[in-house]
Amino acid sequence: MIVGLGVALPLLGGTVALATLQVEGPPRTAVPRVEPIRPPAELPSRRLSFADLVYQGAFRVPADDNGDNFSYGGQTLVYNPGANTLLIGSRYGKVAEVTIPSPVKGTRLEELPVATYVHPFRDPADGHIRDISTDDTALDGLLIHDGRLYGTGLIYYDAAHAQRLTHFSRSLDLSRAEVQRIYQVGETGKAGFVAGYMASVPAEWRTVLGGAAVTGQCCIPIIGRTSWGPSLFSWNPADLGRRDPVPATPLLYYTEQHATLGSWEGSNGSYGGTTSIAGVAIIDGTRTVLFAGRNGMGEFCYGFGICFDGQHLSFASAV
């Protein structure tokens, strides 16, 4: 068996749960090896399922650092394979780098090991998220690709569909300011479809999908400016700073006229008004695109302080 994906899931109480996807194949060794690229037509046709996820345990994140912490944060998260660390965002748009202790399948919080800081909290965009808008903007997605850190910024409540700038790039050294500006990726007026989660594209899929990485967004206010379900666009991170805007090729998205997953004013096992997509991965050696997020299953309602629906973690895959 080989580990196809590591999924880190921030949970309540300052913990991180780890899961892996296991797919058929020979065991991986600690030393990287060069394997021939298999044409997509030769890849397994079976989609991965929830049963392929293996729970590895959990650990706790460290406490406050200079007044910032992980409370109400954690959605902005990326694994750094070169250092075997996690970069995790706070609610204030800053990011800290922490170690990954050996996870424990404990039943009590005090049984879980505690990560340590590798680098304290810092704004990875060096203040330029506010170039998107001076109001209601936030860091939303992170990607480590070809040894660089990429990020996305979002106007949370963009009723005017005004957002144009979405992506930035920097080195993995968070100790120094490097970001000069935020760039546009994709068509003008479509920022709500791309300004979110990102992932690298496996080598065998890059020609077919039209890019070295993917970016997407879903289910954010205002629903009319984003996708009625997970969206996915291929792009080339190396184009940031070289092409303006950076081209993005649509692979998957849902509009109001084609809301085939379901209505926003409802709920089902795939999509509804409470759906949120926090991350995506294209699993190496398979035909599976995995979206991770959450989805409410109760009766739909909308209002201030009068609606409650328990949510559960859900995973959806697509060919």
C-alpha atoms as a PDB file:
ATOM      1  CA  MET A   1       0.000   0.000   0.000  1.00  0.00           C
ATOM      2  CA  ILE A   2       1.143   3.557  -0.598  1.00  0.00           C
ATOM      3  CA  VAL A   3      -0.019   6.694   1.129  1.00  0.00           C
ATOM      4  CA  GLY A   4      -1.688   8.734  -1.578  1.00  0.00           C
ATOM      5  CA  LEU A   5      -2.723  11.754   0.473  1.00  0.00           C
ATOM      6  CA  GLY A   6      -2.366  13.112   3.965  1.00  0.00           C
ATOM      7  CA  VAL A   7      -5.391  15.085   5.135  1.00  0.00           C
ATOM      8  CA  ALA A   8      -5.042  17.371   8.147  1.00  0.00           C
ATOM      9  CA  LEU A   9      -8.352  18.435   9.608  1.00  0.00           C
ATOM     10  CA  PRO A  10      -8.523  21.269  12.169  1.00  0.00           C
ATOM     11  CA  LEU A  11     -11.032  20.407  14.876  1.00  0.00           C
ATOM     12  CA  LEU A  12     -12.585  22.158  17.833  1.00  0.00           C
ATOM     13  CA  GLY A  13     -10.471  22.355  20.961  1.00  0.00           C
ATOM     14  CA  GLY A  14      -7.202  23.172  19.233  1.00  0.00           C
ATOM     15  CA  THR A  15      -6.575  19.721  17.765  1.00  0.00           C
ATOM     16  CA  VAL A  16      -5.651  18.483  14.324  1.00  0.00           C
ATOM     17  CA  ALA A  17      -6.826  15.084  13.123  1.00  0.00           C
ATOM     18  CA  LEU A  18      -4.751  13.255  10.544  1.00  0.00           C
ATOM     19  CA  ALA A  19      -6.010  10.811   7.952  1.00  0.00           C
ATOM     20  CA  THR A  20      -4.355   9.187   4.952  1.00  0.00           C
ATOM     21  CA  LEU A  21      -5.637   7.768   1.730  1.00  0.00           C
ATOM     22  CA  GLN A  22      -4.241   4.379   0.831  1.00  0.00           C
ATOM     23  CA  VAL A  23      -4.321   3.148  -2.736  1.00  0.00           C
ATOM     24  CA  GLU A  24      -3.067   0.001  -4.368  1.00  0.00           C
ATOM     25  CA  GLY A  25       0.602  -0.172  -5.272  1.00  0.00           C
ATOM     26  CA  PRO A  26       4.058  -0.947  -3.893  1.00  0.00           C
ATOM     27  CA  PRO A  27       5.161   0.594  -0.573  1.00  0.00           C
ATOM     28  CA  ARG A  28       6.836   4.001  -0.688  1.00  0.00           C
ATOM     29  CA  THR A  29      10.322   4.395   0.713  1.00  0.00           C
ATOM     30  CA  ALA A  30      11.663   7.442   2.523  1.00  0.00           C
ATOM     31  CA  VAL A  31      14.016   8.133  -0.413  1.00  0.00           C
ATOM     32  CA  PRO A  32      12.249   9.787  -3.365  1.00  0.00           C
ATOM     33  CA  ARG A  33      12.396   7.787  -6.552  1.00  0.00           C
ATOM     34  CA  VAL A  34      11.601   8.655 -10.149  1.00  0.00           C
ATOM     35  CA  GLU A  35       8.775   6.566 -11.554  1.00  0.00           C
ATOM     36  CA  PRO A  36       7.605   6.615 -15.178  1.00  0.00           C
ATOM     37  CA  ILE A  37       4.566   8.785 -15.836  1.00  0.00           C
ATOM     38  CA  ARG A  38       1.563   6.601 -16.616  1.00  0.00           C
ATOM     39  CA  PRO A  39      -0.824   7.905 -19.284  1.00  0.00           C
ATOM     40  CA  PRO A  40      -4.220   8.800 -17.766  1.00  0.00           C
ATOM     41  CA  ALA A  41      -5.870   6.030 -19.797  1.00  0.00           C
ATOM     42  CA  GLU A  42      -3.823   3.451 -17.865  1.00  0.00           C
ATOM     43  CA  LEU A  43      -4.762   4.717 -14.401  1.00  0.00           C
ATOM     44  CA  PRO A  44      -7.242   2.791 -12.223  1.00  0.00           C
ATOM     45  CA  SER A  45     -10.799   3.609 -13.181  1.00  0.00           C
ATOM     46  CA  ARG A  46     -12.193   3.113  -9.665  1.00  0.00           C
ATOM     47  CA  ARG A  47     -12.849   6.271  -7.711  1.00  0.00           C
ATOM     48  CA  LEU A  48     -11.539   6.466  -4.173  1.00  0.00           C
ATOM     49  CA  SER A  49     -14.214   6.456  -1.488  1.00  0.00           C
ATOM     50  CA  PHE A  50     -14.609   7.377   2.164  1.00  0.00           C
ATOM     51  CA  ALA A  51     -13.592   3.813   3.026  1.00  0.00           C
ATOM     52  CA  ASP A  52     -10.123   4.541   1.618  1.00  0.00           C
ATOM     53  CA  LEU A  53      -9.527   7.093   4.385  1.00  0.00           C
ATOM     54  CA  VAL A  54      -7.555   5.720   7.318  1.00  0.00           C
ATOM     55  CA  TYR A  55      -7.658   7.633  10.603  1.00  0.00           C
ATOM     56  CA  GLN A  56      -4.127   8.071  11.972  1.00  0.00           C
ATOM     57  CA  GLY A  57      -4.915  10.027  15.134  1.00  0.00           C
ATOM     58  CA  ALA A  58      -4.648  13.627  16.271  1.00  0.00           C
ATOM     59  CA  PHE A  59      -2.420  16.142  18.010  1.00  0.00           C
ATOM     60  CA  ARG A  60      -2.841  19.572  19.581  1.00  0.00           C
ATOM     61  CA  VAL A  61      -1.608  22.862  18.185  1.00  0.00           C
ATOM     62  CA  PRO A  62       0.397  25.178  20.475  1.00  0.00           C
ATOM     63  CA  ALA A  63      -1.104  27.996  22.522  1.00  0.00           C
ATOM     64  CA  ASP A  64      -1.021  31.755  21.915  1.00  0.00           C
ATOM     65  CA  ASP A  65       1.965  33.385  20.273  1.00  0.00           C
ATOM     66  CA  ASN A  66       2.314  37.160  20.707  1.00  0.00           C
ATOM     67  CA  GLY A  67      -1.439  37.572  21.018  1.00  0.00           C
ATOM     68  CA  ASP A  68      -2.384  35.438  18.011  1.00  0.00           C
ATOM     69  CA  ASN A  69      -3.663  31.867  18.103  1.00  0.00           C
ATOM     70  CA  PHE A  70      -5.474  29.162  16.170  1.00  0.00           C
ATOM     71  CA  SER A  71      -8.904  29.760  17.736  1.00  0.00           C
ATOM     72  CA  TYR A  72     -11.575  30.038  15.017  1.00  0.00           C
ATOM     73  CA  GLY A  73      -8.818  29.475  12.476  1.00  0.00           C
ATOM     74  CA  GLY A  74      -7.358  26.479  10.729  1.00  0.00           C
ATOM     75  CA  GLN A  75      -9.205  26.383   7.398  1.00  0.00           C
ATOM     76  CA  THR A  76      -6.177  27.962   5.729  1.00  0.00           C
ATOM     77  CA  LEU A  77      -3.791  25.035   6.010  1.00  0.00           C
ATOM     78  CA  VAL A  78      -1.071  23.436   3.880  1.00  0.00           C
ATOM     79  CA  TYR A  79       1.462  20.645   4.345  1.00  0.00           C
ATOM     80  CA  ASN A  80       5.136  21.438   3.709  1.00  0.00           C
ATOM     81  CA  PRO A  81       6.674  18.135   2.509  1.00  0.00           C
ATOM     82  CA  GLY A  82      10.211  19.506   2.463  1.00  0.00           C
ATOM     83  CA  ALA A  83      10.176  20.195   6.201  1.00  0.00           C
ATOM     84  CA  ASN A  84       7.366  17.838   7.288  1.00  0.00           C
ATOM     85  CA  THR A  85       5.505  20.731   8.878  1.00  0.00           C
ATOM     86  CA  LEU A  86       2.097  22.370   8.660  1.00  0.00           C
ATOM     87  CA  LEU A  87       1.383  26.010   7.833  1.00  0.00           C
ATOM     88  CA  ILE A  88      -1.882  26.930   9.579  1.00  0.00           C
ATOM     89  CA  GLY A  89      -3.806  30.181   9.407  1.00  0.00           C
ATOM     90  CA  SER A  90      -5.431  32.134  12.225  1.00  0.00           C
ATOM     91  CA  ARG A  91      -8.738  33.979  12.101  1.00  0.00           C
ATOM     92  CA  TYR A  92      -6.812  37.218  11.527  1.00  0.00           C
ATOM     93  CA  GLY A  93      -5.180  36.153   8.235  1.00  0.00           C
ATOM     94  CA  LYS A  94      -1.776  35.311   9.653  1.00  0.00           C
ATOM     95  CA  VAL A  95       0.001  31.971   9.250  1.00  0.00           C
ATOM     96  CA  ALA A  96       2.257  30.033  11.615  1.00  0.00           C
ATOM     97  CA  GLU A  97       4.390  26.987  10.842  1.00  0.00           C
ATOM     98  CA  VAL A  98       4.278  24.093  13.322  1.00  0.00           C
ATOM     99  CA  THR A  99       5.793  20.649  13.701  1.00  0.00           C
ATOM    100  CA  ILE A 100       3.757  17.479  13.212  1.00  0.00           C
ATOM    101  CA  PRO A 101       4.043  15.221  16.274  1.00  0.00           C
ATOM    102  CA  SER A 102       3.300  11.520  15.908  1.00  0.00           C
ATOM    103  CA  PRO A 103      -0.524  11.435  16.012  1.00  0.00           C
ATOM    104  CA  VAL A 104      -2.264   9.564  18.815  1.00  0.00           C
ATOM    105  CA  LYS A 105      -5.649   7.850  18.758  1.00  0.00           C
ATOM    106  CA  GLY A 106      -6.457   9.109  22.235  1.00  0.00           C
ATOM    107  CA  THR A 107      -9.838   9.528  23.873  1.00  0.00           C
ATOM    108  CA  ARG A 108      -8.791  12.401  26.158  1.00  0.00           C
ATOM    109  CA  LEU A 109      -7.374  15.764  25.128  1.00  0.00           C
ATOM    110  CA  GLU A 110      -4.414  15.487  27.502  1.00  0.00           C
ATOM    111  CA  GLU A 111      -3.332  12.287  25.765  1.00  0.00           C
ATOM    112  CA  LEU A 112      -2.617  14.138  22.520  1.00  0.00           C
ATOM    113  CA  PRO A 113       0.912  15.437  21.848  1.00  0.00           C
ATOM    114  CA  VAL A 114       1.390  19.167  21.298  1.00  0.00           C
ATOM    115  CA  ALA A 115       3.029  20.647  18.207  1.00  0.00           C
ATOM    116  CA  THR A 116       5.692  23.337  18.532  1.00  0.00           C
ATOM    117  CA  TYR A 117       6.215  26.509  16.542  1.00  0.00           C
ATOM    118  CA  VAL A 118       8.740  26.404  13.718  1.00  0.00           C
ATOM    119  CA  HIS A 119       7.877  29.974  12.748  1.00  0.00           C
ATOM    120  CA  PRO A 120       5.541  32.355  14.640  1.00  0.00           C
ATOM    121  CA  PHE A 121       2.442  33.962  13.170  1.00  0.00           C
ATOM    122  CA  ARG A 122       3.010  36.303  10.271  1.00  0.00           C
ATOM    123  CA  ASP A 123       0.995  37.754   7.397  1.00  0.00           C
ATOM    124  CA  PRO A 124       2.156  35.720   4.360  1.00  0.00           C
ATOM    125  CA  ALA A 125       0.802  38.345   1.957  1.00  0.00           C
ATOM    126  CA  ASP A 126       2.778  41.157   3.668  1.00  0.00           C
ATOM    127  CA  GLY A 127      -0.313  43.339   3.962  1.00  0.00           C
ATOM    128  CA  HIS A 128      -1.311  43.066   0.308  1.00  0.00           C
ATOM    129  CA  ILE A 129      -4.567  41.178   0.909  1.00  0.00           C
ATOM    130  CA  ARG A 130      -6.021  44.654   1.385  1.00  0.00           C
ATOM    131  CA  ASP A 131      -5.091  45.392  -2.236  1.00  0.00           C
ATOM    132  CA  ILE A 132      -8.104  43.248  -3.099  1.00  0.00           C
ATOM    133  CA  SER A 133     -10.391  45.495  -1.081  1.00  0.00           C
ATOM    134  CA  THR A 134     -10.081  47.724   1.959  1.00  0.00           C
ATOM    135  CA  ASP A 135     -13.035  46.001   3.604  1.00  0.00           C
ATOM    136  CA  ASP A 136     -14.024  42.430   4.510  1.00  0.00           C
ATOM    137  CA  THR A 137     -11.080  40.586   2.915  1.00  0.00           C
ATOM    138  CA  ALA A 138      -9.411  37.443   4.193  1.00  0.00           C
ATOM    139  CA  LEU A 139      -6.687  34.937   3.392  1.00  0.00           C
ATOM    140  CA  ASP A 140      -8.502  31.870   2.071  1.00  0.00           C
ATOM    141  CA  GLY A 141      -6.209  29.243   0.492  1.00  0.00           C
ATOM    142  CA  LEU A 142      -2.580  28.080   0.550  1.00  0.00           C
ATOM    143  CA  LEU A 143      -0.536  25.892  -1.788  1.00  0.00           C
ATOM    144  CA  ILE A 144       3.101  24.785  -1.756  1.00  0.00           C
ATOM    145  CA  HIS A 145       4.139  24.091  -5.337  1.00  0.00           C
ATOM    146  CA  ASP A 146       7.648  23.731  -6.774  1.00  0.00           C
ATOM    147  CA  GLY A 147       9.169  25.014  -3.542  1.00  0.00           C
ATOM    148  CA  ARG A 148       7.109  28.203  -3.327  1.00  0.00           C
ATOM    149  CA  LEU A 149       4.102  29.268  -1.281  1.00  0.00           C
ATOM    150  CA  TYR A 150       0.979  30.472  -3.087  1.00  0.00           C
ATOM    151  CA  GLY A 151      -2.048  32.047  -1.464  1.00  0.00           C
ATOM    152  CA  THR A 152      -5.515  33.315  -2.310  1.00  0.00           C
ATOM    153  CA  GLY A 153      -7.458  36.218  -0.864  1.00  0.00           C
ATOM    154  CA  LEU A 154     -11.205  36.701  -0.789  1.00  0.00           C
ATOM    155  CA  ILE A 155     -13.795  39.427  -0.324  1.00  0.00           C
ATOM    156  CA  TYR A 156     -16.097  37.485   1.965  1.00  0.00           C
ATOM    157  CA  TYR A 157     -19.326  39.343   1.131  1.00  0.00           C
ATOM    158  CA  ASP A 158     -18.915  40.615  -2.431  1.00  0.00           C
ATOM    159  CA  ALA A 159     -22.460  41.664  -3.296  1.00  0.00           C
ATOM    160  CA  ALA A 160     -21.181  43.998  -6.027  1.00  0.00           C
ATOM    161  CA  HIS A 161     -19.054  41.270  -7.679  1.00  0.00           C
ATOM    162  CA  ALA A 162     -16.175  43.744  -7.445  1.00  0.00           C
ATOM    163  CA  GLN A 163     -13.263  41.411  -6.690  1.00  0.00           C
ATOM    164  CA  ARG A 164     -10.642  41.075  -9.420  1.00  0.00           C
ATOM    165  CA  LEU A 165      -7.339  40.240  -7.663  1.00  0.00           C
ATOM    166  CA  THR A 166      -7.045  36.769  -6.144  1.00  0.00           C
ATOM    167  CA  HIS A 167      -3.578  35.094  -5.962  1.00  0.00           C
ATOM    168  CA  PHE A 168      -0.071  35.833  -4.656  1.00  0.00           C
ATOM    169  CA  SER A 169       3.273  34.049  -4.481  1.00  0.00           C
ATOM    170  CA  ARG A 170       6.289  34.069  -2.153  1.00  0.00           C
ATOM    171  CA  SER A 171       9.125  31.888  -0.872  1.00  0.00           C
ATOM    172  CA  LEU A 172       8.634  29.525   2.068  1.00  0.00           C
ATOM    173  CA  ASP A 173      10.706  31.810   4.289  1.00  0.00           C
ATOM    174  CA  LEU A 174       8.045  33.631   6.287  1.00  0.00           C
ATOM    175  CA  SER A 175      10.608  35.741   8.148  1.00  0.00           C
ATOM    176  CA  ARG A 176      11.004  38.328   5.404  1.00  0.00           C
ATOM    177  CA  ALA A 177       8.604  40.500   3.397  1.00  0.00           C
ATOM    178  CA  GLU A 178       8.505  39.523  -0.279  1.00  0.00           C
ATOM    179  CA  VAL A 179       5.027  39.952  -1.730  1.00  0.00           C
ATOM    180  CA  GLN A 180       4.764  42.945  -4.054  1.00  0.00           C
ATOM    181  CA  ARG A 181       1.178  42.592  -5.272  1.00  0.00           C
ATOM    182  CA  ILE A 182      -1.865  40.359  -5.706  1.00  0.00           C
ATOM    183  CA  TYR A 183      -2.608  39.054  -9.213  1.00  0.00           C
ATOM    184  CA  GLN A 184      -5.742  38.238 -11.167  1.00  0.00           C
ATOM    185  CA  VAL A 185      -6.278  34.584 -12.107  1.00  0.00           C
ATOM    186  CA  GLY A 186      -9.063  33.808 -14.567  1.00  0.00           C
ATOM    187  CA  GLU A 187     -11.720  35.998 -16.130  1.00  0.00           C
ATOM    188  CA  THR A 188     -12.707  39.395 -14.786  1.00  0.00           C
ATOM    189  CA  GLY A 189     -15.851  39.075 -12.685  1.00  0.00           C
ATOM    190  CA  LYS A 190     -15.210  35.401 -11.891  1.00  0.00           C
ATOM    191  CA  ALA A 191     -13.019  35.751  -8.786  1.00  0.00           C
ATOM    192  CA  GLY A 192     -15.678  33.973  -6.720  1.00  0.00           C
ATOM    193  CA  PHE A 193     -14.989  30.800  -8.698  1.00  0.00           C
ATOM    194  CA  VAL A 194     -11.190  30.683  -8.195  1.00  0.00           C
ATOM    195  CA  ALA A 195     -10.208  32.599  -5.025  1.00  0.00           C
ATOM    196  CA  GLY A 196     -10.085  29.646  -2.644  1.00  0.00           C
ATOM    197  CA  TYR A 197      -8.511  26.205  -2.243  1.00  0.00           C
ATOM    198  CA  MET A 198      -5.643  25.027  -4.477  1.00  0.00           C
ATOM    199  CA  ALA A 199      -3.735  21.834  -5.275  1.00  0.00           C
ATOM    200  CA  SER A 200      -0.912  20.622  -7.503  1.00  0.00           C
ATOM    201  CA  VAL A 201      -1.783  18.491 -10.527  1.00  0.00           C
ATOM    202  CA  PRO A 202       0.049  15.130 -10.835  1.00  0.00           C
ATOM    203  CA  ALA A 203       2.438  15.035 -13.796  1.00  0.00           C
ATOM    204  CA  GLU A 204       0.340  12.537 -15.768  1.00  0.00           C
ATOM    205  CA  TRP A 205      -2.669  14.868 -15.725  1.00  0.00           C
ATOM    206  CA  ARG A 206      -1.030  18.225 -16.517  1.00  0.00           C
ATOM    207  CA  THR A 207      -1.318  18.051 -20.295  1.00  0.00           C
ATOM    208  CA  VAL A 208      -4.875  16.717 -20.166  1.00  0.00           C
ATOM    209  CA  LEU A 209      -6.090  19.257 -17.584  1.00  0.00           C
ATOM    210  CA  GLY A 210      -4.121  22.176 -19.003  1.00  0.00           C
ATOM    211  CA  GLY A 211      -2.065  23.300 -16.019  1.00  0.00           C
ATOM    212  CA  ALA A 212       0.346  22.404 -13.234  1.00  0.00           C
ATOM    213  CA  ALA A 213      -2.138  23.317 -10.485  1.00  0.00           C
ATOM    214  CA  VAL A 214      -5.830  23.796  -9.856  1.00  0.00           C
ATOM    215  CA  THR A 215      -7.720  26.464  -7.972  1.00  0.00           C
ATOM    216  CA  GLY A 216     -11.375  26.792  -7.033  1.00  0.00           C
ATOM    217  CA  GLN A 217     -14.027  28.123  -4.673  1.00  0.00           C
ATOM    218  CA  CYS A 218     -17.527  27.228  -3.567  1.00  0.00           C
ATOM    219  CA  CYS A 219     -20.561  28.195  -1.623  1.00  0.00           C
ATOM    220  CA  ILE A 220     -19.545  31.594  -0.251  1.00  0.00           C
ATOM    221  CA  PRO A 221     -21.643  34.749   0.075  1.00  0.00           C
ATOM    222  CA  ILE A 222     -22.958  36.034  -2.275  1.00  0.00           C
ATOM    223  CA  ILE A 223     -23.987  32.716  -3.904  1.00  0.00           C
ATOM    224  CA  GLY A 224     -24.654  34.452  -7.243  1.00  0.00           C
ATOM    225  CA  ARG A 225     -20.945  35.254  -7.679  1.00  0.00           C
ATOM    226  CA  THR A 226     -19.627  31.767  -6.968  1.00  0.00           C
ATOM    227  CA  SER A 227     -20.315  28.116  -7.742  1.00  0.00           C
ATOM    228  CA  TRP A 228     -23.354  26.063  -6.653  1.00  0.00           C
ATOM    229  CA  GLY A 229     -20.976  23.288  -5.626  1.00  0.00           C
ATOM    230  CA  PRO A 230     -17.201  22.796  -5.899  1.00  0.00           C
ATOM    231  CA  SER A 231     -15.474  24.533  -8.790  1.00  0.00           C
ATOM    232  CA  LEU A 232     -12.092  23.708 -10.283  1.00  0.00           C
ATOM    233  CA  PHE A 233      -9.899  25.607 -12.757  1.00  0.00           C
ATOM    234  CA  SER A 234      -6.433  24.623 -13.998  1.00  0.00           C
ATOM    235  CA  TRP A 235      -3.672  27.235 -14.110  1.00  0.00           C
ATOM    236  CA  ASN A 236       0.121  27.562 -14.009  1.00  0.00           C
ATOM    237  CA  PRO A 237       1.489  29.137 -10.810  1.00  0.00           C
ATOM    238  CA  ALA A 238       4.676  30.148 -12.635  1.00  0.00           C
ATOM    239  CA  ASP A 239       2.539  32.590 -14.671  1.00  0.00           C
ATOM    240  CA  LEU A 240       2.061  34.902 -11.664  1.00  0.00           C
ATOM    241  CA  GLY A 241       3.973  38.075 -12.454  1.00  0.00           C
ATOM    242  CA  ARG A 242       4.492  36.998 -16.068  1.00  0.00           C
ATOM    243  CA  ARG A 243       0.970  37.115 -17.488  1.00  0.00           C
ATOM    244  CA  ASP A 244      -1.840  39.472 -16.506  1.00  0.00           C
ATOM    245  CA  PRO A 245      -4.394  38.137 -16.008  1.00  0.00           C
ATOM    246  CA  VAL A 246      -3.156  34.593 -15.511  1.00  0.00           C
ATOM    247  CA  PRO A 247      -5.177  32.234 -17.725  1.00  0.00           C
ATOM    248  CA  ALA A 248      -7.374  29.661 -15.989  1.00  0.00           C
ATOM    249  CA  THR A 249      -9.103  26.777 -17.757  1.00  0.00           C
ATOM    250  CA  PRO A 250     -12.516  25.742 -16.378  1.00  0.00           C
ATOM    251  CA  LEU A 251     -12.743  22.075 -15.429  1.00  0.00           C
ATOM    252  CA  LEU A 252     -15.778  22.021 -13.137  1.00  0.00           C
ATOM    253  CA  TYR A 253     -18.291  24.556 -11.829  1.00  0.00           C
ATOM    254  CA  TYR A 254     -22.026  25.041 -11.290  1.00  0.00           C
ATOM    255  CA  THR A 255     -24.081  28.126 -12.086  1.00  0.00           C
ATOM    256  CA  GLU A 256     -27.575  29.140 -10.997  1.00  0.00           C
ATOM    257  CA  GLN A 257     -28.841  28.004 -14.402  1.00  0.00           C
ATOM    258  CA  HIS A 258     -27.143  24.605 -13.983  1.00  0.00           C
ATOM    259  CA  ALA A 259     -27.382  23.913 -10.249  1.00  0.00           C
ATOM    260  CA  THR A 260     -27.472  20.168 -10.828  1.00  0.00           C
ATOM    261  CA  LEU A 261     -26.222  19.272  -7.334  1.00  0.00           C
ATOM    262  CA  GLY A 262     -29.255  20.888  -5.759  1.00  0.00           C
ATOM    263  CA  SER A 263     -30.769  24.218  -4.812  1.00  0.00           C
ATOM    264  CA  TRP A 264     -29.055  26.592  -2.389  1.00  0.00           C
ATOM    265  CA  GLU A 265     -32.421  26.947  -0.604  1.00  0.00           C
ATOM    266  CA  GLY A 266     -32.374  23.311   0.419  1.00  0.00           C
ATOM    267  CA  SER A 267     -30.207  20.458   1.619  1.00  0.00           C
ATOM    268  CA  ASN A 268     -29.201  17.009   0.426  1.00  0.00           C
ATOM    269  CA  GLY A 269     -26.202  14.697   0.626  1.00  0.00           C
ATOM    270  CA  SER A 270     -24.224  16.719  -1.918  1.00  0.00           C
ATOM    271  CA  TYR A 271     -25.098  20.405  -1.700  1.00  0.00           C
ATOM    272  CA  GLY A 272     -27.209  23.050   0.015  1.00  0.00           C
ATOM    273  CA  GLY A 273     -27.107  26.379   1.791  1.00  0.00           C
ATOM    274  CA  THR A 274     -24.735  25.086   4.491  1.00  0.00           C
ATOM    275  CA  THR A 275     -22.207  23.429   2.154  1.00  0.00           C
ATOM    276  CA  SER A 276     -18.584  24.533   2.449  1.00  0.00           C
ATOM    277  CA  ILE A 277     -15.545  23.223   0.542  1.00  0.00           C
ATOM    278  CA  ALA A 278     -12.210  23.756   2.295  1.00  0.00           C
ATOM    279  CA  GLY A 279      -9.748  21.824   0.141  1.00  0.00           C
ATOM    280  CA  VAL A 280      -9.077  19.691  -2.909  1.00  0.00           C
ATOM    281  CA  ALA A 281      -6.548  17.062  -3.978  1.00  0.00           C
ATOM    282  CA  ILE A 282      -5.976  15.213  -7.237  1.00  0.00           C
ATOM    283  CA  ILE A 283      -4.750  11.838  -6.059  1.00  0.00           C
ATOM    284  CA  ASP A 284      -1.513  10.701  -7.692  1.00  0.00           C
ATOM    285  CA  GLY A 285      -1.880   7.473  -9.651  1.00  0.00           C
ATOM    286  CA  THR A 286      -5.691   7.581  -9.789  1.00  0.00           C
ATOM    287  CA  ARG A 287      -8.554   9.213 -11.658  1.00  0.00           C
ATOM    288  CA  THR A 288      -9.932  10.767  -8.462  1.00  0.00           C
ATOM    289  CA  VAL A 289     -10.380  14.411  -7.534  1.00  0.00           C
ATOM    290  CA  LEU A 290     -11.146  14.640  -3.818  1.00  0.00           C
ATOM    291  CA  PHE A 291     -12.976  17.632  -2.309  1.00  0.00           C
ATOM    292  CA  ALA A 292     -13.015  17.985   1.473  1.00  0.00           C
ATOM    293  CA  GLY A 293     -15.556  20.104   3.304  1.00  0.00           C
ATOM    294  CA  ARG A 294     -18.773  19.978   5.281  1.00  0.00           C
ATOM    295  CA  ASN A 295     -22.458  19.806   4.518  1.00  0.00           C
ATOM    296  CA  GLY A 296     -25.608  20.267   6.597  1.00  0.00           C
ATOM    297  CA  MET A 297     -28.320  17.630   6.291  1.00  0.00           C
ATOM    298  CA  GLY A 298     -31.176  19.219   8.208  1.00  0.00           C
ATOM    299  CA  GLU A 299     -34.121  21.268   7.029  1.00  0.00           C
ATOM    300  CA  PHE A 300     -33.009  24.462   5.292  1.00  0.00           C
ATOM    301  CA  CYS A 301     -33.606  27.800   6.978  1.00  0.00           C
ATOM    302  CA  TYR A 302     -32.093  31.258   6.725  1.00  0.00           C
ATOM    303  CA  GLY A 303     -32.105  34.009   9.322  1.00  0.00           C
ATOM    304  CA  PHE A 304     -30.418  35.714  12.267  1.00  0.00           C
ATOM    305  CA  GLY A 305     -30.112  33.657  15.436  1.00  0.00           C
ATOM    306  CA  ILE A 306     -33.098  31.442  14.674  1.00  0.00           C
ATOM    307  CA  CYS A 307     -31.591  28.653  12.587  1.00  0.00           C
ATOM    308  CA  PHE A 308     -29.484  25.749  13.713  1.00  0.00           C
ATOM    309  CA  ASP A 309     -28.361  22.681  11.854  1.00  0.00           C
ATOM    310  CA  GLY A 310     -25.698  20.229  12.984  1.00  0.00           C
ATOM    311  CA  GLN A 311     -23.015  19.780  10.370  1.00  0.00           C
ATOM    312  CA  HIS A 312     -20.847  16.819   9.593  1.00  0.00           C
ATOM    313  CA  LEU A 313     -17.627  16.349   7.708  1.00  0.00           C
ATOM    314  CA  SER A 314     -18.135  15.085   4.177  1.00  0.00           C
ATOM    315  CA  PHE A 315     -15.915  13.990   1.329  1.00  0.00           C
ATOM    316  CA  ALA A 316     -16.943  13.937  -2.320  1.00  0.00           C
ATOM    317  CA  SER A 317     -14.975  12.538  -5.215  1.00  0.00           C
ATOM    318  CA  ALA A 318     -15.389  12.955  -8.935  1.00  0.00           C
ATOM    319  CA  VAL A 319     -13.848  11.545 -12.074  1.00  0.00           C
END
